[in-house]
């Protein structure tokens, strides 16, 4: 393989690439490797899907938290339950099991 890896792109490189945090030269190396390695391309898709899931969950929780009102101690808030339902539904939607 001519990209400089023993076999596959290191996990931290893939994550940083997905977040757009690699500089130009490492990004070019990753992109070159992705052209010839289906396994790394699939793994990158999984990393990007996970990032999208976490971002969606955070947005959902932020929206629900903005609607929270004080409740009696020990009683669950409706907004809190909606957040939990949203996270659980997103989690089951993107679950790989």
C-alpha atoms as a PDB file:
ATOM      1  CA  UNK A   1       0.000   0.000   0.000  1.00  0.00           C
ATOM      2  CA  UNK A   2       1.428   3.365  -0.932  1.00  0.00           C
ATOM      3  CA  UNK A   3      -0.351   5.595   1.618  1.00  0.00           C
ATOM      4  CA  UNK A   4       2.110   4.757   4.392  1.00  0.00           C
ATOM      5  CA  UNK A   5      -0.129   2.586   6.577  1.00  0.00           C
ATOM      6  CA  UNK A   6       0.636  -1.039   7.453  1.00  0.00           C
ATOM      7  CA  UNK A   7      -2.903  -2.065   6.534  1.00  0.00           C
ATOM      8  CA  UNK A   8      -5.637   0.439   7.434  1.00  0.00           C
ATOM      9  CA  UNK A   9      -6.068   4.054   8.458  1.00  0.00           C
ATOM     10  CA  UNK A  10      -5.586   4.530  12.202  1.00  0.00           C
ATOM     11  CA  UNK A  11      -8.825   5.130  14.122  1.00  0.00           C
ATOM     12  CA  UNK A  12      -7.800   8.587  15.320  1.00  0.00           C
ATOM     13  CA  UNK A  13      -7.017   9.667  11.752  1.00  0.00           C
ATOM     14  CA  UNK A  14     -10.449   8.524  10.550  1.00  0.00           C
ATOM     15  CA  UNK A  15     -12.193  10.345  13.383  1.00  0.00           C
ATOM     16  CA  UNK A  16     -10.232  13.539  12.810  1.00  0.00           C
ATOM     17  CA  UNK A  17     -10.843  13.271   9.060  1.00  0.00           C
ATOM     18  CA  UNK A  18     -14.593  12.886   9.664  1.00  0.00           C
ATOM     19  CA  UNK A  19     -14.538  16.009  11.863  1.00  0.00           C
ATOM     20  CA  UNK A  20     -12.474  17.900   9.256  1.00  0.00           C
ATOM     21  CA  UNK A  21      -9.569  18.297  11.667  1.00  0.00           C
ATOM     22  CA  UNK A  22      -6.745  16.780   9.623  1.00  0.00           C
ATOM     23  CA  UNK A  23      -4.364  19.111   7.848  1.00  0.00           C
ATOM     24  CA  UNK A  24      -4.007  18.975   4.061  1.00  0.00           C
ATOM     25  CA  UNK A  25      -1.254  16.354   3.784  1.00  0.00           C
ATOM     26  CA  UNK A  26      -2.782  13.755   6.148  1.00  0.00           C
ATOM     27  CA  UNK A  27      -6.209  14.362   4.560  1.00  0.00           C
ATOM     28  CA  UNK A  28      -4.738  13.652   1.126  1.00  0.00           C
ATOM     29  CA  UNK A  29      -3.190  10.427   2.446  1.00  0.00           C
ATOM     30  CA  UNK A  30      -6.531   9.342   3.924  1.00  0.00           C
ATOM     31  CA  UNK A  31      -8.373  10.184   0.712  1.00  0.00           C
ATOM     32  CA  UNK A  32      -5.855   8.234  -1.376  1.00  0.00           C
ATOM     33  CA  UNK A  33      -6.187   5.215   0.909  1.00  0.00           C
ATOM     34  CA  UNK A  34      -9.995   5.383   0.843  1.00  0.00           C
ATOM     35  CA  UNK A  35      -9.863   4.991  -2.947  1.00  0.00           C
ATOM     36  CA  UNK A  36      -8.295   1.543  -2.601  1.00  0.00           C
ATOM     37  CA  UNK A  37      -9.591   0.244   0.742  1.00  0.00           C
ATOM     38  CA  UNK A  38     -13.274  -0.645   1.012  1.00  0.00           C
ATOM     39  CA  UNK A  39     -12.854  -1.651   4.648  1.00  0.00           C
ATOM     40  CA  UNK A  40     -11.640   1.812   5.686  1.00  0.00           C
ATOM     41  CA  UNK A  41     -14.333   3.468   3.572  1.00  0.00           C
ATOM     42  CA  UNK A  42     -16.999   1.420   5.339  1.00  0.00           C
ATOM     43  CA  UNK A  43     -15.462   2.263   8.696  1.00  0.00           C
ATOM     44  CA  UNK A  44     -15.439   5.975   7.794  1.00  0.00           C
ATOM     45  CA  UNK A  45     -19.150   5.718   6.932  1.00  0.00           C
ATOM     46  CA  UNK A  46     -19.775   4.163  10.362  1.00  0.00           C
ATOM     47  CA  UNK A  47     -17.813   6.948  12.093  1.00  0.00           C
ATOM     48  CA  UNK A  48     -19.747   9.619  10.180  1.00  0.00           C
ATOM     49  CA  UNK A  49     -23.064   7.911  10.992  1.00  0.00           C
ATOM     50  CA  UNK A  50     -22.149   7.825  14.687  1.00  0.00           C
ATOM     51  CA  UNK A  51     -21.224  11.521  14.605  1.00  0.00           C
ATOM     52  CA  UNK A  52     -24.573  12.332  12.972  1.00  0.00           C
ATOM     53  CA  UNK A  53     -26.403  10.281  15.614  1.00  0.00           C
ATOM     54  CA  UNK A  54     -24.663  12.073  18.477  1.00  0.00           C
ATOM     55  CA  UNK A  55     -25.288  15.485  16.909  1.00  0.00           C
ATOM     56  CA  UNK A  56     -28.987  14.679  16.436  1.00  0.00           C
ATOM     57  CA  UNK A  57     -29.271  13.473  20.033  1.00  0.00           C
ATOM     58  CA  UNK A  58     -27.606  16.630  21.344  1.00  0.00           C
ATOM     59  CA  UNK A  59     -29.905  18.846  19.281  1.00  0.00           C
ATOM     60  CA  UNK A  60     -32.919  16.899  20.518  1.00  0.00           C
ATOM     61  CA  UNK A  61     -31.792  17.153  24.124  1.00  0.00           C
ATOM     62  CA  UNK A  62     -31.066  20.877  23.779  1.00  0.00           C
ATOM     63  CA  UNK A  63     -34.545  21.467  22.372  1.00  0.00           C
ATOM     64  CA  UNK A  64     -36.149  19.468  25.168  1.00  0.00           C
ATOM     65  CA  UNK A  65     -34.048  21.112  27.882  1.00  0.00           C
ATOM     66  CA  UNK A  66     -35.124  24.538  26.655  1.00  0.00           C
ATOM     67  CA  UNK A  67     -38.719  23.483  27.388  1.00  0.00           C
ATOM     68  CA  UNK A  68     -38.063  22.249  30.921  1.00  0.00           C
ATOM     69  CA  UNK A  69     -40.005  23.739  33.774  1.00  0.00           C
ATOM     70  CA  UNK A  70     -39.467  23.115  37.471  1.00  0.00           C
ATOM     71  CA  UNK A  71     -41.274  20.006  38.674  1.00  0.00           C
ATOM     72  CA  UNK A  72     -41.866  18.475  42.044  1.00  0.00           C
ATOM     73  CA  UNK A  73     -38.917  16.528  43.345  1.00  0.00           C
ATOM     74  CA  UNK A  74     -39.130  12.892  42.351  1.00  0.00           C
ATOM     75  CA  UNK A  75     -41.619  13.291  39.496  1.00  0.00           C
ATOM     76  CA  UNK A  76     -40.295  12.944  35.942  1.00  0.00           C
ATOM     77  CA  UNK A  77     -40.848  15.915  33.670  1.00  0.00           C
ATOM     78  CA  UNK A  78     -42.601  15.425  30.370  1.00  0.00           C
ATOM     79  CA  UNK A  79     -39.749  17.162  28.553  1.00  0.00           C
ATOM     80  CA  UNK A  80     -37.265  14.816  30.211  1.00  0.00           C
ATOM     81  CA  UNK A  81     -39.293  11.833  29.099  1.00  0.00           C
ATOM     82  CA  UNK A  82     -39.472  13.243  25.554  1.00  0.00           C
ATOM     83  CA  UNK A  83     -35.686  13.581  25.521  1.00  0.00           C
ATOM     84  CA  UNK A  84     -35.325   9.997  26.680  1.00  0.00           C
ATOM     85  CA  UNK A  85     -37.800   8.809  24.033  1.00  0.00           C
ATOM     86  CA  UNK A  86     -35.954  10.768  21.331  1.00  0.00           C
ATOM     87  CA  UNK A  87     -32.564   9.395  22.305  1.00  0.00           C
ATOM     88  CA  UNK A  88     -33.896   5.849  22.515  1.00  0.00           C
ATOM     89  CA  UNK A  89     -35.613   6.086  19.142  1.00  0.00           C
ATOM     90  CA  UNK A  90     -32.479   7.535  17.512  1.00  0.00           C
ATOM     91  CA  UNK A  91     -30.371   4.905  19.178  1.00  0.00           C
ATOM     92  CA  UNK A  92     -32.560   2.075  17.898  1.00  0.00           C
ATOM     93  CA  UNK A  93     -32.704   3.638  14.423  1.00  0.00           C
ATOM     94  CA  UNK A  94     -28.906   3.673  14.117  1.00  0.00           C
ATOM     95  CA  UNK A  95     -28.150   0.568  16.126  1.00  0.00           C
ATOM     96  CA  UNK A  96     -25.903  -1.889  14.316  1.00  0.00           C
ATOM     97  CA  UNK A  97     -27.097  -4.888  16.319  1.00  0.00           C
END
